[in-house]
Amino acid sequence: MISQAEENYLKALFHLTNETEEKVEAGTNELAFYLEVKPATVNDMLKKLKEKELVSYKKYGKIMLTQQGREYAVEVVRKHRLWETFLYEKLEFSWDEVHEVAEQLEHIKSKKLVEQLDRFLGFPKIDPHGDPIPNSKGEIKYLKRKTLTDIPVGAVCKLVAVKDSSASFLQYAVQIGLGLSSKIKIISRQEFDGSVEIEIDNKRSTVSQKFAENLFVL
């Protein structure tokens, strides 16, 4: 049995590494920054996770999830994204409200509840933020996608997911008319700071490079 704190660390490592095919390891400082804790706190937890054979790392070296660690992490991610979908589709939570509540619900241990939830929802493939939901076997189907910063001026693309699921980010996205499947036209891009002028439903807005980097599009 692993604790909620240990699950949170495994999930964070999954997001920093196994979430992409290009990267399979993370650094201590990177993990500390992601979790908003001190590097010393991370080192203490890594020792526990290593003893349980959930991570592989050497002091001051890179961190990798073991196969068992990844399985635990995927299970937590699966529960989190299923609960987000349930809250959004069945309880009418907005997409900026579901993340915080799902953070609490993802630690429920009942496997039967999770499988029944998946069935009740009709085995959804993506959550309200466009992220893929792992199936009962832990398999994840990733879509090849770009960020808005990769799209040339004049082109039109479709929003398929967001990288940042914080309430402030999602509320701003709604404020300028963005939602999943929104069509976005790139009007112009400033060379100086990378800010982008975009058009959504005939309404123009200028967004920062940081904001654009958090939008996944096709």
Protein backbone atom coordinates (compact mmCIF):
# COMPACT_ATOMS: atom_id res chain seq x y z
CA MET A 1 0.00 0.00 0.00
CA ILE A 2 1.31 3.44 -0.86
CA SER A 3 0.29 6.76 0.69
CA GLN A 4 -1.48 9.69 -0.96
CA ALA A 5 1.74 11.70 -0.86
CA GLU A 6 3.60 8.88 -2.60
CA GLU A 7 0.87 8.67 -5.23
CA ASN A 8 1.21 12.41 -5.85
CA TYR A 9 4.94 12.06 -6.42
CA LEU A 10 4.48 9.16 -8.82
CA LYS A 11 1.83 11.07 -10.73
CA ALA A 12 4.09 14.13 -10.94
CA LEU A 13 6.94 12.01 -12.29
CA PHE A 14 4.58 10.51 -14.84
CA HIS A 15 3.58 13.98 -16.06
CA LEU A 16 7.23 15.08 -16.24
CA THR A 17 8.48 11.94 -18.01
CA ASN A 18 6.20 9.20 -19.30
CA GLU A 19 3.59 11.70 -20.47
CA THR A 20 5.78 12.21 -23.55
CA GLU A 21 7.72 9.76 -25.67
CA GLU A 22 10.74 12.07 -25.93
CA LYS A 23 11.55 12.26 -22.23
CA VAL A 24 11.83 9.42 -19.70
CA GLU A 25 13.62 11.00 -16.74
CA ALA A 26 13.46 14.09 -14.54
CA GLY A 27 15.75 15.98 -12.17
CA THR A 28 15.25 16.56 -8.45
CA ASN A 29 14.96 20.33 -8.84
CA GLU A 30 12.52 19.91 -11.71
CA LEU A 31 10.32 17.66 -9.58
CA ALA A 32 10.57 20.04 -6.61
CA PHE A 33 9.53 22.98 -8.81
CA TYR A 34 6.60 21.00 -10.24
CA LEU A 35 5.33 20.01 -6.79
CA GLU A 36 6.20 23.40 -5.23
CA VAL A 37 8.29 21.84 -2.45
CA LYS A 38 11.95 22.05 -1.40
CA PRO A 39 14.54 19.75 -3.07
CA ALA A 40 15.36 18.30 0.37
CA THR A 41 11.72 17.23 0.73
CA VAL A 42 11.89 15.55 -2.67
CA ASN A 43 15.05 13.67 -1.72
CA ASP A 44 13.40 12.29 1.43
CA MET A 45 10.42 11.02 -0.57
CA LEU A 46 12.61 9.56 -3.32
CA LYS A 47 14.40 7.43 -0.74
CA LYS A 48 11.06 5.92 0.31
CA LEU A 49 9.96 5.36 -3.28
CA LYS A 50 13.28 3.77 -4.15
CA GLU A 51 12.99 1.38 -1.20
CA LYS A 52 9.59 0.32 -2.54
CA GLU A 53 11.15 -0.13 -6.01
CA LEU A 54 8.86 2.51 -7.52
CA VAL A 55 11.60 4.81 -8.81
CA SER A 56 15.15 4.41 -10.03
CA TYR A 57 17.66 7.14 -9.19
CA LYS A 58 21.03 7.96 -7.68
CA LYS A 59 21.67 10.98 -5.48
CA TYR A 60 22.02 14.13 -7.64
CA GLY A 61 21.17 11.99 -10.66
CA LYS A 62 18.10 11.69 -12.86
CA ILE A 63 14.88 10.04 -11.68
CA MET A 64 12.92 7.40 -13.62
CA LEU A 65 9.76 5.51 -12.78
CA THR A 66 10.18 1.75 -12.60
CA GLN A 67 7.60 -0.39 -14.37
CA GLN A 68 5.74 -0.86 -11.10
CA GLY A 69 5.96 2.85 -10.34
CA ARG A 70 4.56 3.72 -13.73
CA GLU A 71 1.65 1.31 -13.23
CA TYR A 72 0.76 3.02 -9.94
CA ALA A 73 1.06 6.45 -11.57
CA VAL A 74 -1.13 5.51 -14.54
CA GLU A 75 -3.77 4.16 -12.16
CA VAL A 76 -3.91 7.49 -10.32
CA VAL A 77 -4.02 9.44 -13.60
CA ARG A 78 -6.83 7.18 -14.85
CA LYS A 79 -8.91 7.81 -11.72
CA HIS A 80 -8.23 11.56 -11.84
CA ARG A 81 -9.32 11.93 -15.45
CA LEU A 82 -12.40 9.72 -15.03
CA TRP A 83 -13.52 11.76 -12.03
CA GLU A 84 -12.95 14.99 -13.96
CA THR A 85 -15.13 13.63 -16.75
CA PHE A 86 -17.85 12.56 -14.31
CA LEU A 87 -17.90 15.95 -12.59
CA TYR A 88 -17.99 17.80 -15.92
CA GLU A 89 -20.53 15.62 -17.76
CA LYS A 90 -22.84 14.48 -14.98
CA LEU A 91 -22.63 17.08 -12.20
CA GLU A 92 -22.27 20.18 -14.41
CA PHE A 93 -18.95 21.36 -12.99
CA SER A 94 -17.13 23.74 -15.33
CA TRP A 95 -13.77 22.67 -16.78
CA ASP A 96 -11.96 25.05 -14.42
CA GLU A 97 -13.60 23.49 -11.34
CA VAL A 98 -13.03 19.77 -11.90
CA HIS A 99 -9.27 19.52 -11.33
CA GLU A 100 -9.20 20.45 -7.65
CA VAL A 101 -12.04 18.08 -6.74
CA ALA A 102 -10.56 15.23 -8.80
CA GLU A 103 -7.28 15.72 -6.89
CA GLN A 104 -9.17 14.49 -3.81
CA LEU A 105 -11.17 11.73 -5.49
CA GLU A 106 -8.19 10.19 -7.31
CA HIS A 107 -6.95 8.57 -4.09
CA ILE A 108 -10.02 6.35 -3.60
CA LYS A 109 -8.74 2.77 -3.60
CA SER A 110 -11.80 0.81 -4.80
CA LYS A 111 -11.00 -0.72 -8.19
CA LYS A 112 -14.62 -1.80 -8.61
CA LEU A 113 -15.78 1.80 -8.22
CA VAL A 114 -13.34 2.98 -10.88
CA GLU A 115 -14.37 0.28 -13.37
CA GLN A 116 -18.07 0.98 -12.73
CA LEU A 117 -17.44 4.70 -13.16
CA ASP A 118 -15.70 4.05 -16.49
CA ARG A 119 -18.63 1.91 -17.64
CA PHE A 120 -21.21 4.46 -16.44
CA LEU A 121 -19.47 7.18 -18.48
CA GLY A 122 -19.40 4.99 -21.61
CA PHE A 123 -15.62 4.36 -21.55
CA PRO A 124 -14.54 7.93 -22.44
CA LYS A 125 -11.26 8.40 -24.29
CA ILE A 126 -10.45 11.98 -23.22
CA ASP A 127 -11.17 14.14 -20.18
CA PRO A 128 -12.66 17.69 -20.18
CA HIS A 129 -9.19 19.17 -20.81
CA GLY A 130 -8.51 16.95 -23.83
CA ASP A 131 -6.08 14.61 -22.07
CA PRO A 132 -6.23 10.88 -22.91
CA ILE A 133 -7.76 8.62 -20.25
CA PRO A 134 -5.80 5.37 -19.66
CA ASN A 135 -7.97 2.28 -20.17
CA SER A 136 -8.38 -0.53 -17.62
CA LYS A 137 -5.16 -2.15 -18.89
CA GLY A 138 -3.19 1.05 -18.36
CA GLU A 139 -2.87 1.72 -22.07
CA ILE A 140 -2.86 5.35 -23.21
CA LYS A 141 -3.54 6.47 -26.75
CA TYR A 142 -1.70 9.71 -27.45
CA LEU A 143 -2.53 12.02 -30.33
CA LYS A 144 0.26 13.76 -32.19
CA ARG A 145 -0.39 17.40 -31.53
CA LYS A 146 1.31 20.79 -31.66
CA THR A 147 1.17 23.86 -29.49
CA LEU A 148 -0.28 27.12 -30.75
CA THR A 149 3.27 28.51 -30.96
CA ASP A 150 3.98 26.00 -33.77
CA ILE A 151 1.16 27.24 -36.02
CA PRO A 152 2.13 29.74 -38.75
CA VAL A 153 0.44 33.11 -39.21
CA GLY A 154 -2.67 32.82 -41.38
CA ALA A 155 -3.36 29.19 -40.53
CA VAL A 156 -6.47 27.85 -38.78
CA CYS A 157 -6.26 25.11 -36.15
CA LYS A 158 -8.51 23.38 -33.61
CA LEU A 159 -8.00 23.30 -29.84
CA VAL A 160 -7.77 19.66 -28.72
CA ALA A 161 -6.27 19.94 -25.22
CA VAL A 162 -4.74 22.28 -22.68
CA LYS A 163 -1.44 21.74 -20.90
CA ASP A 164 -2.30 23.97 -17.94
CA SER A 165 -5.42 22.87 -16.05
CA SER A 166 -5.27 25.55 -13.34
CA ALA A 167 -8.48 27.46 -12.66
CA SER A 168 -6.94 30.84 -13.55
CA PHE A 169 -5.69 29.58 -16.94
CA LEU A 170 -8.98 27.91 -17.86
CA GLN A 171 -11.07 30.88 -16.74
CA TYR A 172 -8.99 33.16 -18.97
CA ALA A 173 -9.43 30.73 -21.86
CA VAL A 174 -13.21 30.86 -21.43
CA GLN A 175 -13.06 34.65 -21.15
CA ILE A 176 -11.59 34.95 -24.65
CA GLY A 177 -14.03 32.37 -26.06
CA LEU A 178 -11.89 29.22 -26.02
CA GLY A 179 -13.14 25.69 -25.41
CA LEU A 180 -12.28 22.24 -26.68
CA SER A 181 -12.77 22.03 -30.47
CA SER A 182 -12.67 25.83 -30.84
CA LYS A 183 -11.33 26.95 -34.23
CA ILE A 184 -8.42 29.38 -33.86
CA LYS A 185 -7.00 31.56 -36.63
CA ILE A 186 -3.50 32.99 -36.21
CA ILE A 187 -3.67 36.66 -37.21
CA SER A 188 -0.17 37.82 -36.28
CA ARG A 189 2.81 37.05 -34.04
CA GLN A 190 5.13 39.58 -32.42
CA GLU A 191 8.82 38.80 -32.91
CA PHE A 192 9.74 40.81 -29.80
CA ASP A 193 7.92 38.75 -27.14
CA GLY A 194 6.20 35.94 -29.04
CA SER A 195 2.70 37.22 -28.25
CA VAL A 196 0.03 36.06 -30.70
CA GLU A 197 -3.07 37.75 -32.06
CA ILE A 198 -5.76 35.13 -32.58
CA GLU A 199 -9.33 35.08 -33.85
CA ILE A 200 -12.08 32.89 -32.37
CA ASP A 201 -15.65 33.19 -33.71
CA ASN A 202 -14.79 36.56 -35.32
CA LYS A 203 -13.47 37.90 -32.01
CA ARG A 204 -9.80 38.89 -31.84
CA SER A 205 -7.57 38.63 -28.77
CA THR A 206 -3.84 38.94 -28.15
CA VAL A 207 -2.36 36.25 -25.91
CA SER A 208 1.12 35.78 -24.46
CA GLN A 209 3.64 33.23 -25.69
CA LYS A 210 3.28 31.41 -22.36
CA PHE A 211 -0.48 31.10 -22.88
CA ALA A 212 0.01 29.88 -26.47
CA GLU A 213 2.50 27.23 -25.30
CA ASN A 214 -0.22 25.74 -23.10
CA LEU A 215 -2.70 25.17 -25.94
CA PHE A 216 -2.50 21.89 -27.85
CA VAL A 217 -3.94 22.09 -31.36
CA LEU A 218 -4.35 20.10 -34.55
